[in-house]
């Protein structure tokens, strides 16, 4: 029975520490975006992984429009009737 005199204050101190840690985490924006980092790791297009030359090449490739071939321009196809 005398152990309760030790365990009850100890449990209240631990509860106070847990409540303080929770409010500290909320105050310091630890719970702002829980899913963003999990989704962001799946994308492979991190510009920081490329050298400056590779970045320039990728930007130039994005700016240049790609030519789309027309459907019936192949020489091995028969002309339509």
PDB file of N, CA and C in Angstrom:
ATOM      1  N   UNK A   1       0.815  -1.197   0.000  1.00  0.00           N
ATOM      2  CA  UNK A   1       0.000   0.000   0.000  1.00  0.00           C
ATOM      3  C   UNK A   1       0.858   1.260   0.000  1.00  0.00           C
ATOM      4  N   UNK A   2       2.008   1.178   0.625  1.00  0.00           N
ATOM      5  CA  UNK A   2       2.868   2.365   0.670  1.00  0.00           C
ATOM      6  C   UNK A   2       3.507   2.648  -0.691  1.00  0.00           C
ATOM      7  N   UNK A   3       3.535   1.648  -1.552  1.00  0.00           N
ATOM      8  CA  UNK A   3       4.103   1.862  -2.883  1.00  0.00           C
ATOM      9  C   UNK A   3       3.254   2.840  -3.695  1.00  0.00           C
ATOM     10  N   UNK A   4       1.961   2.927  -3.363  1.00  0.00           N
ATOM     11  CA  UNK A   4       1.078   3.871  -4.058  1.00  0.00           C
ATOM     12  C   UNK A   4       1.507   5.316  -3.831  1.00  0.00           C
ATOM     13  N   UNK A   5       2.110   5.584  -2.684  1.00  0.00           N
ATOM     14  CA  UNK A   5       2.592   6.938  -2.415  1.00  0.00           C
ATOM     15  C   UNK A   5       3.736   7.321  -3.353  1.00  0.00           C
ATOM     16  N   UNK A   6       4.389   6.348  -3.913  1.00  0.00           N
ATOM     17  CA  UNK A   6       5.446   6.596  -4.871  1.00  0.00           C
ATOM     18  C   UNK A   6       4.920   6.536  -6.312  1.00  0.00           C
ATOM     19  N   UNK A   7       4.073   5.562  -6.608  1.00  0.00           N
ATOM     20  CA  UNK A   7       3.624   5.340  -7.986  1.00  0.00           C
ATOM     21  C   UNK A   7       2.658   6.423  -8.494  1.00  0.00           C
ATOM     22  N   UNK A   8       1.784   6.912  -7.640  1.00  0.00           N
ATOM     23  CA  UNK A   8       0.818   7.922  -8.084  1.00  0.00           C
ATOM     24  C   UNK A   8       1.520   9.233  -8.452  1.00  0.00           C
ATOM     25  N   UNK A   9       2.391   9.785  -7.638  1.00  0.00           N
ATOM     26  CA  UNK A   9       3.097  11.011  -8.065  1.00  0.00           C
ATOM     27  C   UNK A   9       3.994  10.772  -9.286  1.00  0.00           C
ATOM     28  N   UNK A  10       4.621   9.604  -9.353  1.00  0.00           N
ATOM     29  CA  UNK A  10       5.464   9.287 -10.498  1.00  0.00           C
ATOM     30  C   UNK A  10       4.644   9.219 -11.783  1.00  0.00           C
ATOM     31  N   UNK A  11       3.467   8.616 -11.705  1.00  0.00           N
ATOM     32  CA  UNK A  11       2.614   8.548 -12.896  1.00  0.00           C
ATOM     33  C   UNK A  11       2.097   9.932 -13.297  1.00  0.00           C
ATOM     34  N   UNK A  12       1.811  10.789 -12.325  1.00  0.00           N
ATOM     35  CA  UNK A  12       1.376  12.150 -12.637  1.00  0.00           C
ATOM     36  C   UNK A  12       2.501  12.959 -13.283  1.00  0.00           C
ATOM     37  N   UNK A  13       3.723  12.748 -12.833  1.00  0.00           N
ATOM     38  CA  UNK A  13       4.873  13.424 -13.449  1.00  0.00           C
ATOM     39  C   UNK A  13       5.049  12.958 -14.895  1.00  0.00           C
ATOM     40  N   UNK A  14       4.942  11.654 -15.134  1.00  0.00           N
ATOM     41  CA  UNK A  14       5.047  11.127 -16.492  1.00  0.00           C
ATOM     42  C   UNK A  14       3.917  11.631 -17.379  1.00  0.00           C
ATOM     43  N   UNK A  15       2.719  11.736 -16.833  1.00  0.00           N
ATOM     44  CA  UNK A  15       1.599  12.279 -17.584  1.00  0.00           C
ATOM     45  C   UNK A  15       1.855  13.740 -17.943  1.00  0.00           C
ATOM     46  N   UNK A  16       2.369  14.501 -17.000  1.00  0.00           N
ATOM     47  CA  UNK A  16       2.697  15.896 -17.268  1.00  0.00           C
ATOM     48  C   UNK A  16       3.758  16.032 -18.355  1.00  0.00           C
ATOM     49  N   UNK A  17       4.765  15.171 -18.336  1.00  0.00           N
ATOM     50  CA  UNK A  17       5.790  15.192 -19.376  1.00  0.00           C
ATOM     51  C   UNK A  17       5.206  14.847 -20.748  1.00  0.00           C
ATOM     52  N   UNK A  18       4.304  13.886 -20.802  1.00  0.00           N
ATOM     53  CA  UNK A  18       3.677  13.502 -22.063  1.00  0.00           C
ATOM     54  C   UNK A  18       2.820  14.644 -22.606  1.00  0.00           C
ATOM     55  N   UNK A  19       2.068  15.311 -21.749  1.00  0.00           N
ATOM     56  CA  UNK A  19       1.236  16.438 -22.180  1.00  0.00           C
ATOM     57  C   UNK A  19       2.118  17.588 -22.660  1.00  0.00           C
ATOM     58  N   UNK A  20       3.195  17.866 -21.934  1.00  0.00           N
ATOM     59  CA  UNK A  20       4.123  18.914 -22.349  1.00  0.00           C
ATOM     60  C   UNK A  20       4.740  18.585 -23.711  1.00  0.00           C
ATOM     61  N   UNK A  21       5.166  17.330 -23.923  1.00  0.00           N
ATOM     62  CA  UNK A  21       5.768  16.923 -25.196  1.00  0.00           C
ATOM     63  C   UNK A  21       4.763  17.067 -26.341  1.00  0.00           C
ATOM     64  N   UNK A  22       3.504  16.733 -26.092  1.00  0.00           N
ATOM     65  CA  UNK A  22       2.490  16.865 -27.120  1.00  0.00           C
ATOM     66  C   UNK A  22       2.289  18.330 -27.505  1.00  0.00           C
ATOM     67  N   UNK A  23       2.141  19.202 -26.526  1.00  0.00           N
ATOM     68  CA  UNK A  23       1.931  20.613 -26.837  1.00  0.00           C
ATOM     69  C   UNK A  23       3.170  21.251 -27.459  1.00  0.00           C
ATOM     70  N   UNK A  24       4.368  20.796 -27.079  1.00  0.00           N
ATOM     71  CA  UNK A  24       5.583  21.283 -27.715  1.00  0.00           C
ATOM     72  C   UNK A  24       5.601  20.887 -29.195  1.00  0.00           C
ATOM     73  N   UNK A  25       5.215  19.655 -29.502  1.00  0.00           N
ATOM     74  CA  UNK A  25       5.199  19.186 -30.882  1.00  0.00           C
ATOM     75  C   UNK A  25       4.175  19.955 -31.717  1.00  0.00           C
ATOM     76  N   UNK A  26       3.031  20.248 -31.142  1.00  0.00           N
ATOM     77  CA  UNK A  26       2.013  21.018 -31.862  1.00  0.00           C
ATOM     78  C   UNK A  26       2.504  22.450 -32.093  1.00  0.00           C
ATOM     79  N   UNK A  27       3.117  23.036 -31.103  1.00  0.00           N
ATOM     80  CA  UNK A  27       3.604  24.409 -31.208  1.00  0.00           C
ATOM     81  C   UNK A  27       4.718  24.529 -32.247  1.00  0.00           C
ATOM     82  N   UNK A  28       5.559  23.522 -32.383  1.00  0.00           N
ATOM     83  CA  UNK A  28       6.685  23.557 -33.321  1.00  0.00           C
ATOM     84  C   UNK A  28       6.357  22.918 -34.661  1.00  0.00           C
ATOM     85  N   UNK A  29       5.070  22.816 -34.988  1.00  0.00           N
ATOM     86  CA  UNK A  29       4.593  22.361 -36.296  1.00  0.00           C
ATOM     87  C   UNK A  29       5.073  20.960 -36.667  1.00  0.00           C
ATOM     88  N   UNK A  30       5.121  20.065 -35.722  1.00  0.00           N
ATOM     89  CA  UNK A  30       5.529  18.699 -36.013  1.00  0.00           C
ATOM     90  C   UNK A  30       4.418  17.900 -36.683  1.00  0.00           C
ATOM     91  N   UNK A  31       3.185  18.354 -36.592  1.00  0.00           N
ATOM     92  CA  UNK A  31       2.057  17.613 -37.141  1.00  0.00           C
ATOM     93  C   UNK A  31       1.442  18.309 -38.352  1.00  0.00           C
ATOM     94  N   UNK A  32       2.172  19.207 -39.010  1.00  0.00           N
ATOM     95  CA  UNK A  32       1.611  19.945 -40.137  1.00  0.00           C
ATOM     96  C   UNK A  32       1.296  19.051 -41.332  1.00  0.00           C
ATOM     97  N   UNK A  33       2.278  18.304 -41.796  1.00  0.00           N
ATOM     98  CA  UNK A  33       2.105  17.503 -43.002  1.00  0.00           C
ATOM     99  C   UNK A  33       2.615  16.099 -42.734  1.00  0.00           C
ATOM    100  N   UNK A  34       1.720  15.205 -42.394  1.00  0.00           N
ATOM    101  CA  UNK A  34       2.129  13.847 -42.059  1.00  0.00           C
ATOM    102  C   UNK A  34       2.286  12.961 -43.291  1.00  0.00           C
ATOM    103  N   UNK A  35       1.553  13.250 -44.373  1.00  0.00           N
ATOM    104  CA  UNK A  35       1.597  12.389 -45.541  1.00  0.00           C
ATOM    105  C   UNK A  35       2.522  12.900 -46.642  1.00  0.00           C
ATOM    106  N   UNK A  36       2.865  14.160 -46.615  1.00  0.00           N
ATOM    107  CA  UNK A  36       3.693  14.733 -47.672  1.00  0.00           C
ATOM    108  C   UNK A  36       5.041  14.050 -47.852  1.00  0.00           C
ATOM    109  N   UNK A  37       5.832  13.882 -46.793  1.00  0.00           N
ATOM    110  CA  UNK A  37       7.121  13.217 -46.977  1.00  0.00           C
ATOM    111  C   UNK A  37       6.997  11.781 -47.478  1.00  0.00           C
ATOM    112  N   UNK A  38       5.946  11.103 -47.096  1.00  0.00           N
ATOM    113  CA  UNK A  38       5.765   9.727 -47.567  1.00  0.00           C
ATOM    114  C   UNK A  38       5.479   9.690 -49.055  1.00  0.00           C
ATOM    115  N   UNK A  39       4.755  10.681 -49.576  1.00  0.00           N
ATOM    116  CA  UNK A  39       4.464  10.726 -51.006  1.00  0.00           C
ATOM    117  C   UNK A  39       5.637  11.313 -51.790  1.00  0.00           C
ATOM    118  N   UNK A  40       6.335  12.240 -51.189  1.00  0.00           N
ATOM    119  CA  UNK A  40       7.420  12.923 -51.883  1.00  0.00           C
ATOM    120  C   UNK A  40       8.582  11.976 -52.174  1.00  0.00           C
ATOM    121  N   UNK A  41       8.788  10.982 -51.333  1.00  0.00           N
ATOM    122  CA  UNK A  41       9.898  10.062 -51.538  1.00  0.00           C
ATOM    123  C   UNK A  41       9.680   9.183 -52.766  1.00  0.00           C
ATOM    124  N   UNK A  42       8.446   9.055 -53.209  1.00  0.00           N
ATOM    125  CA  UNK A  42       8.142   8.222 -54.368  1.00  0.00           C
ATOM    126  C   UNK A  42       8.490   8.892 -55.685  1.00  0.00           C
ATOM    127  N   UNK A  43       8.604  10.211 -55.708  1.00  0.00           N
ATOM    128  CA  UNK A  43       8.907  10.921 -56.938  1.00  0.00           C
ATOM    129  C   UNK A  43      10.406  10.909 -57.185  1.00  0.00           C
ATOM    130  N   UNK A  44      10.786  10.559 -58.404  1.00  0.00           N
ATOM    131  CA  UNK A  44      12.192  10.392 -58.737  1.00  0.00           C
ATOM    132  C   UNK A  44      12.795  11.642 -59.362  1.00  0.00           C
ATOM    133  N   UNK A  45      12.048  12.690 -59.538  1.00  0.00           N
ATOM    134  CA  UNK A  45      12.506  13.868 -60.242  1.00  0.00           C
ATOM    135  C   UNK A  45      13.021  14.929 -59.274  1.00  0.00           C
ATOM    136  N   UNK A  46      14.070  14.608 -58.564  1.00  0.00           N
ATOM    137  CA  UNK A  46      14.665  15.561 -57.646  1.00  0.00           C
ATOM    138  C   UNK A  46      15.751  16.331 -58.389  1.00  0.00           C
ATOM    139  N   UNK A  47      15.556  17.601 -58.598  1.00  0.00           N
ATOM    140  CA  UNK A  47      16.499  18.407 -59.371  1.00  0.00           C
ATOM    141  C   UNK A  47      17.852  18.526 -58.674  1.00  0.00           C
ATOM    142  N   UNK A  48      17.912  18.318 -57.384  1.00  0.00           N
ATOM    143  CA  UNK A  48      19.173  18.442 -56.660  1.00  0.00           C
ATOM    144  C   UNK A  48      20.118  17.289 -56.951  1.00  0.00           C
ATOM    145  N   UNK A  49      19.609  16.185 -57.510  1.00  0.00           N
ATOM    146  CA  UNK A  49      20.454  15.042 -57.814  1.00  0.00           C
ATOM    147  C   UNK A  49      21.234  15.225 -59.114  1.00  0.00           C
ATOM    148  N   UNK A  50      20.869  16.206 -59.929  1.00  0.00           N
ATOM    149  CA  UNK A  50      21.504  16.402 -61.223  1.00  0.00           C
ATOM    150  C   UNK A  50      22.618  17.434 -61.130  1.00  0.00           C
ATOM    151  N   UNK A  51      23.569  17.329 -62.055  1.00  0.00           N
ATOM    152  CA  UNK A  51      24.610  18.345 -62.157  1.00  0.00           C
ATOM    153  C   UNK A  51      23.997  19.579 -62.823  1.00  0.00           C
ATOM    154  N   UNK A  52      24.639  20.730 -62.708  1.00  0.00           N
ATOM    155  CA  UNK A  52      24.086  21.932 -63.363  1.00  0.00           C
ATOM    156  C   UNK A  52      23.908  21.753 -64.871  1.00  0.00           C
ATOM    157  N   UNK A  53      24.823  21.033 -65.520  1.00  0.00           N
ATOM    158  CA  UNK A  53      24.688  20.804 -66.958  1.00  0.00           C
ATOM    159  C   UNK A  53      23.464  19.951 -67.269  1.00  0.00           C
ATOM    160  N   UNK A  54      23.225  18.937 -66.469  1.00  0.00           N
ATOM    161  CA  UNK A  54      22.046  18.088 -66.676  1.00  0.00           C
ATOM    162  C   UNK A  54      20.758  18.867 -66.436  1.00  0.00           C
ATOM    163  N   UNK A  55      20.779  19.767 -65.479  1.00  0.00           N
ATOM    164  CA  UNK A  55      19.598  20.604 -65.229  1.00  0.00           C
ATOM    165  C   UNK A  55      19.288  21.485 -66.433  1.00  0.00           C
ATOM    166  N   UNK A  56      20.342  22.092 -67.022  1.00  0.00           N
ATOM    167  CA  UNK A  56      20.144  22.930 -68.203  1.00  0.00           C
ATOM    168  C   UNK A  56      19.591  22.116 -69.369  1.00  0.00           C
ATOM    169  N   UNK A  57      20.123  20.905 -69.546  1.00  0.00           N
ATOM    170  CA  UNK A  57      19.641  20.059 -70.632  1.00  0.00           C
ATOM    171  C   UNK A  57      18.174  19.690 -70.432  1.00  0.00           C
ATOM    172  N   UNK A  58      17.799  19.390 -69.201  1.00  0.00           N
ATOM    173  CA  UNK A  58      16.398  19.036 -68.928  1.00  0.00           C
ATOM    174  C   UNK A  58      15.477  20.231 -69.150  1.00  0.00           C
ATOM    175  N   UNK A  59      15.917  21.422 -68.753  1.00  0.00           N
ATOM    176  CA  UNK A  59      15.093  22.604 -68.963  1.00  0.00           C
ATOM    177  C   UNK A  59      14.940  22.909 -70.445  1.00  0.00           C
ATOM    178  N   UNK A  60      16.010  22.736 -71.212  1.00  0.00           N
ATOM    179  CA  UNK A  60      15.923  22.963 -72.650  1.00  0.00           C
ATOM    180  C   UNK A  60      15.030  21.929 -73.314  1.00  0.00           C
ATOM    181  N   UNK A  61      15.102  20.688 -72.869  1.00  0.00           N
ATOM    182  CA  UNK A  61      14.260  19.637 -73.439  1.00  0.00           C
ATOM    183  C   UNK A  61      12.786  19.897 -73.133  1.00  0.00           C
ATOM    184  N   UNK A  62      12.500  20.463 -71.974  1.00  0.00           N
ATOM    185  CA  UNK A  62      11.108  20.780 -71.631  1.00  0.00           C
ATOM    186  C   UNK A  62      10.584  21.934 -72.479  1.00  0.00           C
ATOM    187  N   UNK A  63      11.461  22.868 -72.830  1.00  0.00           N
ATOM    188  CA  UNK A  63      11.034  24.030 -73.602  1.00  0.00           C
ATOM    189  C   UNK A  63      10.781  23.685 -75.069  1.00  0.00           C
ATOM    190  N   UNK A  64      11.544  22.730 -75.615  1.00  0.00           N
ATOM    191  CA  UNK A  64      11.392  22.376 -77.023  1.00  0.00           C
ATOM    192  C   UNK A  64      10.163  21.501 -77.208  1.00  0.00           C
ATOM    193  N   UNK A  65       9.261  21.904 -78.116  1.00  0.00           N
ATOM    194  CA  UNK A  65       8.077  21.049 -78.359  1.00  0.00           C
ATOM    195  C   UNK A  65       8.499  19.801 -79.130  1.00  0.00           C
ATOM    196  N   UNK A  66       7.901  18.692 -78.788  1.00  0.00           N
ATOM    197  CA  UNK A  66       8.205  17.449 -79.484  1.00  0.00           C
ATOM    198  C   UNK A  66       7.309  17.330 -80.696  1.00  0.00           C
ATOM    199  N   UNK A  67       7.885  16.898 -81.817  1.00  0.00           N
ATOM    200  CA  UNK A  67       7.122  16.744 -83.056  1.00  0.00           C
ATOM    201  C   UNK A  67       6.363  15.432 -82.993  1.00  0.00           C
ATOM    202  N   UNK A  68       5.066  15.498 -83.202  1.00  0.00           N
ATOM    203  CA  UNK A  68       4.251  14.287 -83.187  1.00  0.00           C
ATOM    204  C   UNK A  68       4.045  13.817 -84.612  1.00  0.00           C
ATOM    205  N   UNK A  69       4.433  12.603 -84.941  1.00  0.00           N
ATOM    206  CA  UNK A  69       4.244  12.106 -86.308  1.00  0.00           C
ATOM    207  C   UNK A  69       2.770  11.869 -86.581  1.00  0.00           C
ATOM    208  N   UNK A  70       2.386  12.138 -87.819  1.00  0.00           N
ATOM    209  CA  UNK A  70       0.992  11.901 -88.194  1.00  0.00           C
ATOM    210  C   UNK A  70       0.760  10.412 -88.334  1.00  0.00           C
ATOM    211  N   UNK A  71      -0.486  10.006 -88.291  1.00  0.00           N
ATOM    212  CA  UNK A  71      -0.813   8.586 -88.234  1.00  0.00           C
ATOM    213  C   UNK A  71      -0.480   7.843 -89.517  1.00  0.00           C
ATOM    214  N   UNK A  72      -0.663   8.437 -90.692  1.00  0.00           N
ATOM    215  CA  UNK A  72      -0.502   7.710 -91.952  1.00  0.00           C
ATOM    216  C   UNK A  72       0.700   8.201 -92.750  1.00  0.00           C
ATOM    217  N   UNK A  73       1.833   8.429 -92.144  1.00  0.00           N
ATOM    218  CA  UNK A  73       2.994   8.908 -92.875  1.00  0.00           C
ATOM    219  C   UNK A  73       4.028   7.810 -93.099  1.00  0.00           C
ATOM    220  N   UNK A  74       3.779   6.607 -92.629  1.00  0.00           N
ATOM    221  CA  UNK A  74       4.743   5.527 -92.806  1.00  0.00           C
ATOM    222  C   UNK A  74       4.684   5.013 -94.241  1.00  0.00           C
ATOM    223  N   UNK A  75       5.861   4.720 -94.798  1.00  0.00           N
ATOM    224  CA  UNK A  75       5.920   4.291 -96.198  1.00  0.00           C
ATOM    225  C   UNK A  75       5.497   2.836 -96.397  1.00  0.00           C
ATOM    226  N   UNK A  76       5.502   2.050 -95.340  1.00  0.00           N
ATOM    227  CA  UNK A  76       5.146   0.640 -95.494  1.00  0.00           C
ATOM    228  C   UNK A  76       3.636   0.397 -95.404  1.00  0.00           C
ATOM    229  N   UNK A  77       2.863   1.417 -95.197  1.00  0.00           N
ATOM    230  CA  UNK A  77       1.424   1.247 -95.129  1.00  0.00           C
ATOM    231  C   UNK A  77       0.801   1.451 -96.504  1.00  0.00           C
ATOM    232  N   UNK A  78      -0.271   0.736 -96.759  1.00  0.00           N
ATOM    233  CA  UNK A  78      -0.996   0.908 -98.016  1.00  0.00           C
ATOM    234  C   UNK A  78      -1.831   2.175 -97.960  1.00  0.00           C
ATOM    235  N   UNK A  79      -2.003   2.834 -99.071  1.00  0.00           N
ATOM    236  CA  UNK A  79      -2.847   4.032 -99.059  1.00  0.00           C
ATOM    237  C   UNK A  79      -4.304   3.647 -98.811  1.00  0.00           C
ATOM    238  N   UNK A  80      -5.076   4.506 -98.207  1.00  0.00           N
ATOM    239  CA  UNK A  80      -6.480   4.189 -97.951  1.00  0.00           C
ATOM    240  C   UNK A  80      -7.261   4.108 -99.260  1.00  0.00           C
ATOM    241  N   UNK A  81      -8.264   3.231 -99.356  1.00  0.00           N
ATOM    242  CA  UNK A  81      -9.021   3.076-100.602  1.00  0.00           C
ATOM    243  C   UNK A  81      -9.908   4.242-100.924  1.00  0.00           C
TER     244      UNK A  81
END
